[in-house]
Amino acid sequence: MTFKLFTEKKISGFIVILLGLLSLHEAKTLFPYSKDLLIGDHVFPGLIGILLVVFGLALFFERKTDEKKAELPTGKTLLILVSSIVILFLYCLLIQFAGYVVSTLIAAACLIKIIGKYRWIKSILIAGTITGVFYLLFIVFLKTPFPSGIFTF
């Protein structure tokens, strides 16, 4: 067994550790604005930083095993994957113009149709339910401002 200093896992583990340390630094910067150790804006970056450092160390010191080469998707699976990515990019653009409700309904219906392979009517009903629940949760109950676009709800 040979020891390699620069393998994919060691390099990616090192990068993940650096990102974790950056997140921990941000948590340390936000800590003075908090009320308690577990209450404040610093908690989430701190938790993410700790997890990134732990998993980065695990990745860095992972033992070499017999790795199987992953096969890239082809055919219909590749088409579903690429079209899902395109739909999500279009959703990011559409949300500014059409607003949250309309663009979420359209994007969810298309994703459910493509990934779930449901009929259009069922996809639209499921997407409408998801959009309605998110609308109630975030806009009505939590009063989160989302883009309204040309449609104001």
N, C-alpha and C. Protein backbone atom coordinates (compact mmCIF):
# COMPACT_ATOMS: atom_id res chain seq x y z
N MET A 1 0.85 -1.18 0.00
CA MET A 1 0.00 0.00 0.00
C MET A 1 0.89 1.24 0.00
N THR A 2 0.63 2.12 -0.91
CA THR A 2 1.43 3.33 -1.01
C THR A 2 0.67 4.49 -0.37
N PHE A 3 1.42 5.41 0.16
CA PHE A 3 0.85 6.59 0.80
C PHE A 3 0.95 7.76 -0.17
N LYS A 4 -0.20 8.30 -0.51
CA LYS A 4 -0.22 9.46 -1.38
C LYS A 4 -0.62 10.68 -0.57
N LEU A 5 0.15 11.73 -0.70
CA LEU A 5 -0.14 12.95 0.04
C LEU A 5 -1.29 13.71 -0.60
N PHE A 6 -1.33 13.75 -1.92
CA PHE A 6 -2.35 14.52 -2.61
C PHE A 6 -3.32 13.60 -3.34
N THR A 7 -4.34 13.17 -2.64
CA THR A 7 -5.40 12.41 -3.28
C THR A 7 -6.66 13.28 -3.30
N GLU A 8 -7.65 12.83 -4.04
CA GLU A 8 -8.89 13.61 -4.14
C GLU A 8 -9.53 13.80 -2.78
N LYS A 9 -9.54 12.74 -1.99
CA LYS A 9 -10.20 12.80 -0.69
C LYS A 9 -9.44 13.69 0.28
N LYS A 10 -8.12 13.67 0.24
CA LYS A 10 -7.34 14.52 1.13
C LYS A 10 -7.50 16.00 0.75
N ILE A 11 -7.48 16.28 -0.53
CA ILE A 11 -7.64 17.67 -0.97
C ILE A 11 -9.04 18.18 -0.65
N SER A 12 -10.06 17.38 -0.95
CA SER A 12 -11.43 17.81 -0.66
C SER A 12 -11.67 17.90 0.84
N GLY A 13 -11.07 16.99 1.63
CA GLY A 13 -11.17 17.07 3.08
C GLY A 13 -10.54 18.34 3.62
N PHE A 14 -9.40 18.72 3.06
CA PHE A 14 -8.72 19.94 3.47
C PHE A 14 -9.57 21.17 3.13
N ILE A 15 -10.18 21.18 1.95
CA ILE A 15 -11.04 22.30 1.55
C ILE A 15 -12.26 22.40 2.45
N VAL A 16 -12.86 21.26 2.78
CA VAL A 16 -14.03 21.26 3.67
C VAL A 16 -13.64 21.75 5.06
N ILE A 17 -12.47 21.36 5.54
CA ILE A 17 -12.00 21.84 6.84
C ILE A 17 -11.81 23.36 6.81
N LEU A 18 -11.23 23.88 5.73
CA LEU A 18 -11.06 25.34 5.61
C LEU A 18 -12.41 26.06 5.60
N LEU A 19 -13.38 25.52 4.88
CA LEU A 19 -14.71 26.13 4.87
C LEU A 19 -15.35 26.08 6.26
N GLY A 20 -15.14 24.99 6.97
CA GLY A 20 -15.65 24.87 8.33
C GLY A 20 -15.01 25.88 9.26
N LEU A 21 -13.70 26.08 9.13
CA LEU A 21 -13.02 27.07 9.95
C LEU A 21 -13.50 28.48 9.62
N LEU A 22 -13.77 28.74 8.35
CA LEU A 22 -14.32 30.03 7.95
C LEU A 22 -15.70 30.25 8.57
N SER A 23 -16.51 29.23 8.57
CA SER A 23 -17.83 29.31 9.18
C SER A 23 -17.73 29.50 10.69
N LEU A 24 -16.79 28.82 11.33
CA LEU A 24 -16.57 29.01 12.77
C LEU A 24 -16.08 30.43 13.08
N HIS A 25 -15.25 30.98 12.21
CA HIS A 25 -14.81 32.36 12.39
C HIS A 25 -16.00 33.32 12.30
N GLU A 26 -16.87 33.08 11.37
CA GLU A 26 -18.07 33.92 11.23
C GLU A 26 -18.95 33.79 12.47
N ALA A 27 -19.08 32.59 13.01
CA ALA A 27 -19.87 32.40 14.23
C ALA A 27 -19.23 33.15 15.40
N LYS A 28 -17.89 33.13 15.47
CA LYS A 28 -17.19 33.86 16.53
C LYS A 28 -17.40 35.36 16.37
N THR A 29 -17.46 35.84 15.13
CA THR A 29 -17.70 37.25 14.88
C THR A 29 -19.11 37.66 15.30
N LEU A 30 -20.08 36.78 15.10
CA LEU A 30 -21.48 37.09 15.43
C LEU A 30 -21.82 36.85 16.89
N PHE A 31 -20.96 36.16 17.64
CA PHE A 31 -21.27 35.80 19.02
C PHE A 31 -21.54 37.01 19.94
N PRO A 32 -20.81 38.12 19.82
CA PRO A 32 -21.09 39.24 20.72
C PRO A 32 -22.51 39.81 20.61
N TYR A 33 -23.19 39.55 19.51
CA TYR A 33 -24.55 40.05 19.33
C TYR A 33 -25.60 39.10 19.90
N SER A 34 -25.17 38.01 20.49
CA SER A 34 -26.11 37.00 20.96
C SER A 34 -26.48 37.24 22.42
N LYS A 35 -27.55 36.56 22.84
CA LYS A 35 -28.00 36.64 24.23
C LYS A 35 -27.47 35.48 25.06
N ASP A 36 -27.21 34.36 24.41
CA ASP A 36 -26.78 33.16 25.11
C ASP A 36 -25.94 32.33 24.15
N LEU A 37 -25.32 31.28 24.66
CA LEU A 37 -24.48 30.44 23.82
C LEU A 37 -25.28 29.75 22.71
N LEU A 38 -26.50 29.35 23.00
CA LEU A 38 -27.30 28.63 22.02
C LEU A 38 -28.42 29.47 21.43
N ILE A 39 -28.39 30.78 21.66
CA ILE A 39 -29.42 31.66 21.11
C ILE A 39 -28.74 32.81 20.39
N GLY A 40 -29.03 32.97 19.13
CA GLY A 40 -28.47 34.08 18.37
C GLY A 40 -28.10 33.69 16.96
N ASP A 41 -27.61 34.68 16.24
CA ASP A 41 -27.25 34.49 14.84
C ASP A 41 -26.01 33.63 14.65
N HIS A 42 -25.25 33.41 15.68
CA HIS A 42 -24.00 32.67 15.58
C HIS A 42 -24.19 31.15 15.63
N VAL A 43 -25.35 30.69 16.04
CA VAL A 43 -25.56 29.26 16.29
C VAL A 43 -25.48 28.45 14.99
N PHE A 44 -26.20 28.87 13.96
CA PHE A 44 -26.22 28.10 12.72
C PHE A 44 -24.84 28.05 12.04
N PRO A 45 -24.15 29.19 11.86
CA PRO A 45 -22.80 29.08 11.28
C PRO A 45 -21.85 28.26 12.15
N GLY A 46 -22.02 28.34 13.48
CA GLY A 46 -21.17 27.54 14.36
C GLY A 46 -21.42 26.05 14.20
N LEU A 47 -22.70 25.67 14.13
CA LEU A 47 -23.05 24.26 13.94
C LEU A 47 -22.55 23.75 12.59
N ILE A 48 -22.77 24.54 11.55
CA ILE A 48 -22.29 24.15 10.22
C ILE A 48 -20.76 24.04 10.22
N GLY A 49 -20.09 24.98 10.88
CA GLY A 49 -18.63 24.95 10.95
C GLY A 49 -18.12 23.72 11.65
N ILE A 50 -18.74 23.37 12.78
CA ILE A 50 -18.33 22.16 13.51
C ILE A 50 -18.53 20.92 12.65
N LEU A 51 -19.68 20.82 12.01
CA LEU A 51 -19.95 19.65 11.16
C LEU A 51 -18.99 19.58 9.99
N LEU A 52 -18.70 20.72 9.35
CA LEU A 52 -17.76 20.71 8.24
C LEU A 52 -16.37 20.29 8.67
N VAL A 53 -15.91 20.77 9.81
CA VAL A 53 -14.59 20.38 10.30
C VAL A 53 -14.55 18.89 10.62
N VAL A 54 -15.58 18.38 11.30
CA VAL A 54 -15.60 16.95 11.66
C VAL A 54 -15.63 16.07 10.41
N PHE A 55 -16.52 16.40 9.47
CA PHE A 55 -16.60 15.58 8.26
C PHE A 55 -15.38 15.77 7.36
N GLY A 56 -14.79 16.96 7.37
CA GLY A 56 -13.56 17.18 6.62
C GLY A 56 -12.41 16.35 7.17
N LEU A 57 -12.32 16.29 8.51
CA LEU A 57 -11.29 15.44 9.12
C LEU A 57 -11.53 13.97 8.80
N ALA A 58 -12.79 13.56 8.85
CA ALA A 58 -13.10 12.16 8.51
C ALA A 58 -12.74 11.86 7.06
N LEU A 59 -12.98 12.80 6.19
CA LEU A 59 -12.65 12.61 4.78
C LEU A 59 -11.14 12.63 4.57
N PHE A 60 -10.45 13.49 5.30
CA PHE A 60 -9.00 13.61 5.15
C PHE A 60 -8.28 12.35 5.63
N PHE A 61 -8.77 11.77 6.73
CA PHE A 61 -8.10 10.60 7.30
C PHE A 61 -8.77 9.28 6.94
N GLU A 62 -9.66 9.29 5.98
CA GLU A 62 -10.34 8.06 5.57
C GLU A 62 -9.35 7.10 4.92
N ARG A 63 -9.48 5.84 5.26
CA ARG A 63 -8.60 4.83 4.68
C ARG A 63 -9.02 4.53 3.25
N LYS A 64 -8.05 4.17 2.48
CA LYS A 64 -8.32 3.86 1.07
C LYS A 64 -9.03 2.52 0.99
N THR A 65 -10.10 2.50 0.24
CA THR A 65 -10.84 1.27 0.01
C THR A 65 -10.92 1.03 -1.49
N ASP A 66 -11.37 -0.13 -1.84
CA ASP A 66 -11.57 -0.42 -3.25
C ASP A 66 -12.77 0.39 -3.75
N GLU A 67 -12.48 1.35 -4.58
CA GLU A 67 -13.53 2.23 -5.06
C GLU A 67 -14.05 1.74 -6.39
N LYS A 68 -15.35 1.79 -6.52
CA LYS A 68 -15.97 1.46 -7.80
C LYS A 68 -16.16 2.76 -8.57
N LYS A 69 -15.91 2.70 -9.82
CA LYS A 69 -16.10 3.87 -10.65
C LYS A 69 -17.59 4.14 -10.83
N ALA A 70 -17.97 5.37 -10.62
CA ALA A 70 -19.37 5.75 -10.80
C ALA A 70 -19.64 5.93 -12.28
N GLU A 71 -20.81 5.47 -12.68
CA GLU A 71 -21.20 5.64 -14.07
C GLU A 71 -22.05 6.88 -14.20
N LEU A 72 -21.73 7.70 -15.17
CA LEU A 72 -22.51 8.89 -15.40
C LEU A 72 -23.87 8.51 -16.00
N PRO A 73 -24.90 9.28 -15.65
CA PRO A 73 -26.22 8.95 -16.19
C PRO A 73 -26.26 9.15 -17.70
N THR A 74 -27.05 8.31 -18.34
CA THR A 74 -27.22 8.41 -19.79
C THR A 74 -28.69 8.28 -20.12
N GLY A 75 -29.02 8.60 -21.32
CA GLY A 75 -30.37 8.40 -21.82
C GLY A 75 -31.42 9.21 -21.10
N LYS A 76 -32.48 8.53 -20.67
CA LYS A 76 -33.61 9.19 -20.05
C LYS A 76 -33.24 9.79 -18.69
N THR A 77 -32.39 9.13 -17.95
CA THR A 77 -31.96 9.65 -16.65
C THR A 77 -31.20 10.96 -16.81
N LEU A 78 -30.33 11.04 -17.81
CA LEU A 78 -29.60 12.26 -18.08
C LEU A 78 -30.55 13.38 -18.49
N LEU A 79 -31.54 13.05 -19.31
CA LEU A 79 -32.53 14.04 -19.74
C LEU A 79 -33.32 14.59 -18.55
N ILE A 80 -33.72 13.72 -17.63
CA ILE A 80 -34.45 14.15 -16.43
C ILE A 80 -33.56 15.05 -15.57
N LEU A 81 -32.31 14.67 -15.40
CA LEU A 81 -31.38 15.45 -14.59
C LEU A 81 -31.14 16.84 -15.18
N VAL A 82 -30.85 16.91 -16.46
CA VAL A 82 -30.58 18.19 -17.11
C VAL A 82 -31.83 19.06 -17.13
N SER A 83 -32.98 18.48 -17.44
CA SER A 83 -34.20 19.28 -17.48
C SER A 83 -34.59 19.79 -16.09
N SER A 84 -34.30 19.03 -15.04
CA SER A 84 -34.56 19.50 -13.68
C SER A 84 -33.69 20.70 -13.35
N ILE A 85 -32.44 20.65 -13.73
CA ILE A 85 -31.53 21.77 -13.49
C ILE A 85 -31.98 23.00 -14.26
N VAL A 86 -32.38 22.81 -15.51
CA VAL A 86 -32.86 23.93 -16.32
C VAL A 86 -34.12 24.54 -15.71
N ILE A 87 -35.04 23.70 -15.24
CA ILE A 87 -36.27 24.20 -14.61
C ILE A 87 -35.93 25.03 -13.37
N LEU A 88 -34.99 24.59 -12.57
CA LEU A 88 -34.61 25.33 -11.36
C LEU A 88 -33.95 26.66 -11.71
N PHE A 89 -33.14 26.71 -12.76
CA PHE A 89 -32.56 27.98 -13.19
C PHE A 89 -33.64 28.92 -13.71
N LEU A 90 -34.57 28.39 -14.49
CA LEU A 90 -35.67 29.21 -14.97
C LEU A 90 -36.55 29.71 -13.82
N TYR A 91 -36.70 28.89 -12.79
CA TYR A 91 -37.45 29.29 -11.60
C TYR A 91 -36.79 30.50 -10.94
N CYS A 92 -35.46 30.48 -10.86
CA CYS A 92 -34.74 31.61 -10.27
C CYS A 92 -34.97 32.90 -11.06
N LEU A 93 -35.06 32.79 -12.36
CA LEU A 93 -35.32 33.96 -13.19
C LEU A 93 -36.79 34.38 -13.14
N LEU A 94 -37.68 33.40 -13.16
CA LEU A 94 -39.11 33.67 -13.22
C LEU A 94 -39.65 34.25 -11.92
N ILE A 95 -39.04 33.92 -10.79
CA ILE A 95 -39.56 34.36 -9.50
C ILE A 95 -39.51 35.89 -9.37
N GLN A 96 -38.56 36.53 -10.02
CA GLN A 96 -38.46 37.99 -9.95
C GLN A 96 -39.57 38.68 -10.76
N PHE A 97 -40.00 38.05 -11.84
CA PHE A 97 -40.99 38.68 -12.71
C PHE A 97 -42.41 38.26 -12.37
N ALA A 98 -42.63 36.97 -12.22
CA ALA A 98 -43.99 36.47 -11.99
C ALA A 98 -44.33 36.39 -10.51
N GLY A 99 -43.35 36.46 -9.65
CA GLY A 99 -43.60 36.39 -8.21
C GLY A 99 -43.46 34.97 -7.70
N TYR A 100 -43.50 34.87 -6.37
CA TYR A 100 -43.27 33.60 -5.70
C TYR A 100 -44.35 32.57 -6.00
N VAL A 101 -45.60 32.96 -5.88
CA VAL A 101 -46.70 31.99 -5.97
C VAL A 101 -46.78 31.38 -7.36
N VAL A 102 -46.80 32.20 -8.38
CA VAL A 102 -46.96 31.69 -9.75
C VAL A 102 -45.75 30.89 -10.18
N SER A 103 -44.55 31.41 -9.91
CA SER A 103 -43.36 30.70 -10.36
C SER A 103 -43.15 29.39 -9.59
N THR A 104 -43.50 29.38 -8.30
CA THR A 104 -43.38 28.14 -7.54
C THR A 104 -44.38 27.10 -8.03
N LEU A 105 -45.57 27.53 -8.35
CA LEU A 105 -46.58 26.62 -8.89
C LEU A 105 -46.12 26.01 -10.22
N ILE A 106 -45.58 26.83 -11.09
CA ILE A 106 -45.13 26.35 -12.40
C ILE A 106 -43.92 25.42 -12.25
N ALA A 107 -42.93 25.85 -11.47
CA ALA A 107 -41.72 25.04 -11.31
C ALA A 107 -42.03 23.72 -10.61
N ALA A 108 -42.85 23.75 -9.57
CA ALA A 108 -43.18 22.52 -8.85
C ALA A 108 -43.96 21.56 -9.75
N ALA A 109 -44.89 22.08 -10.53
CA ALA A 109 -45.66 21.22 -11.43
C ALA A 109 -44.75 20.57 -12.46
N CYS A 110 -43.84 21.33 -13.02
CA CYS A 110 -42.92 20.76 -14.02
C CYS A 110 -41.98 19.72 -13.40
N LEU A 111 -41.45 20.02 -12.21
CA LEU A 111 -40.56 19.06 -11.55
C LEU A 111 -41.29 17.78 -11.16
N ILE A 112 -42.50 17.93 -10.65
CA ILE A 112 -43.27 16.73 -10.28
C ILE A 112 -43.61 15.91 -11.50
N LYS A 113 -43.93 16.58 -12.60
CA LYS A 113 -44.24 15.87 -13.85
C LYS A 113 -43.02 15.12 -14.36
N ILE A 114 -41.87 15.78 -14.35
CA ILE A 114 -40.67 15.17 -14.92
C ILE A 114 -40.10 14.08 -14.00
N ILE A 115 -39.94 14.40 -12.72
CA ILE A 115 -39.31 13.46 -11.80
C ILE A 115 -40.28 12.36 -11.36
N GLY A 116 -41.51 12.77 -11.01
CA GLY A 116 -42.48 11.81 -10.49
C GLY A 116 -43.23 11.05 -11.56
N LYS A 117 -43.15 11.53 -12.79
CA LYS A 117 -43.82 10.88 -13.93
C LYS A 117 -45.33 10.76 -13.72
N TYR A 118 -45.91 11.80 -13.09
CA TYR A 118 -47.37 11.84 -12.93
C TYR A 118 -47.99 12.50 -14.15
N ARG A 119 -49.29 12.38 -14.28
CA ARG A 119 -49.99 13.08 -15.34
C ARG A 119 -50.02 14.56 -14.98
N TRP A 120 -50.28 15.42 -15.98
CA TRP A 120 -50.22 16.86 -15.76
C TRP A 120 -51.23 17.32 -14.71
N ILE A 121 -52.43 16.80 -14.74
CA ILE A 121 -53.46 17.26 -13.81
C ILE A 121 -53.06 16.93 -12.37
N LYS A 122 -52.52 15.73 -12.15
CA LYS A 122 -52.09 15.36 -10.80
C LYS A 122 -50.87 16.17 -10.38
N SER A 123 -49.97 16.44 -11.30
CA SER A 123 -48.80 17.26 -11.00
C SER A 123 -49.21 18.67 -10.59
N ILE A 124 -50.17 19.23 -11.29
CA ILE A 124 -50.64 20.59 -10.97
C ILE A 124 -51.35 20.60 -9.62
N LEU A 125 -52.12 19.57 -9.32
CA LEU A 125 -52.79 19.52 -8.01
C LEU A 125 -51.79 19.39 -6.86
N ILE A 126 -50.79 18.54 -7.03
CA ILE A 126 -49.76 18.39 -6.00
C ILE A 126 -48.97 19.69 -5.86
N ALA A 127 -48.61 20.29 -6.97
CA ALA A 127 -47.86 21.56 -6.94
C ALA A 127 -48.69 22.67 -6.29
N GLY A 128 -49.98 22.69 -6.58
CA GLY A 128 -50.85 23.68 -5.95
C GLY A 128 -50.93 23.50 -4.45
N THR A 129 -51.00 22.25 -4.01
CA THR A 129 -51.01 21.98 -2.57
C THR A 129 -49.71 22.41 -1.92
N ILE A 130 -48.59 22.06 -2.53
CA ILE A 130 -47.28 22.45 -1.99
C ILE A 130 -47.14 23.97 -1.94
N THR A 131 -47.52 24.63 -3.03
CA THR A 131 -47.43 26.09 -3.09
C THR A 131 -48.33 26.74 -2.04
N GLY A 132 -49.54 26.21 -1.88
CA GLY A 132 -50.46 26.75 -0.88
C GLY A 132 -49.95 26.59 0.54
N VAL A 133 -49.39 25.43 0.84
CA VAL A 133 -48.84 25.20 2.18
C VAL A 133 -47.66 26.12 2.44
N PHE A 134 -46.76 26.26 1.47
CA PHE A 134 -45.62 27.16 1.63
C PHE A 134 -46.07 28.62 1.75
N TYR A 135 -47.10 28.98 0.99
CA TYR A 135 -47.64 30.35 1.06
C TYR A 135 -48.18 30.62 2.45
N LEU A 136 -48.97 29.70 2.97
CA LEU A 136 -49.52 29.88 4.31
C LEU A 136 -48.42 29.94 5.36
N LEU A 137 -47.48 29.03 5.26
CA LEU A 137 -46.43 28.94 6.27
C LEU A 137 -45.54 30.18 6.26
N PHE A 138 -44.99 30.51 5.10
CA PHE A 138 -43.99 31.57 5.06
C PHE A 138 -44.58 32.98 4.93
N ILE A 139 -45.57 33.16 4.08
CA ILE A 139 -46.08 34.50 3.83
C ILE A 139 -47.14 34.90 4.85
N VAL A 140 -48.09 34.01 5.14
CA VAL A 140 -49.18 34.37 6.05
C VAL A 140 -48.73 34.28 7.50
N PHE A 141 -48.21 33.12 7.92
CA PHE A 141 -47.89 32.92 9.33
C PHE A 141 -46.57 33.58 9.74
N LEU A 142 -45.51 33.38 8.96
CA LEU A 142 -44.20 33.91 9.34
C LEU A 142 -43.94 35.31 8.81
N LYS A 143 -44.82 35.83 7.97
CA LYS A 143 -44.71 37.19 7.41
C LYS A 143 -43.36 37.43 6.72
N THR A 144 -42.92 36.42 5.98
CA THR A 144 -41.67 36.52 5.24
C THR A 144 -41.94 37.21 3.91
N PRO A 145 -41.19 38.25 3.59
CA PRO A 145 -41.43 38.93 2.31
C PRO A 145 -40.82 38.14 1.15
N PHE A 146 -41.66 37.75 0.23
CA PHE A 146 -41.22 37.09 -0.99
C PHE A 146 -41.56 37.97 -2.18
N PRO A 147 -40.87 37.79 -3.30
CA PRO A 147 -41.18 38.62 -4.47
C PRO A 147 -42.61 38.38 -4.94
N SER A 148 -43.33 39.47 -5.19
CA SER A 148 -44.71 39.32 -5.65
C SER A 148 -44.81 39.46 -7.16
N GLY A 149 -43.82 40.07 -7.80
CA GLY A 149 -43.81 40.19 -9.25
C GLY A 149 -45.01 40.98 -9.76
N ILE A 150 -45.49 40.60 -10.93
CA ILE A 150 -46.62 41.31 -11.50
C ILE A 150 -47.94 40.86 -10.89
N PHE A 151 -47.94 39.72 -10.21
CA PHE A 151 -49.13 39.23 -9.54
C PHE A 151 -49.00 39.51 -8.05
N THR A 152 -49.94 40.23 -7.47
CA THR A 152 -49.88 40.51 -6.04
C THR A 152 -50.95 39.69 -5.33
N PHE A 153 -50.51 38.86 -4.42
CA PHE A 153 -51.43 38.04 -3.63
C PHE A 153 -51.34 38.42 -2.18
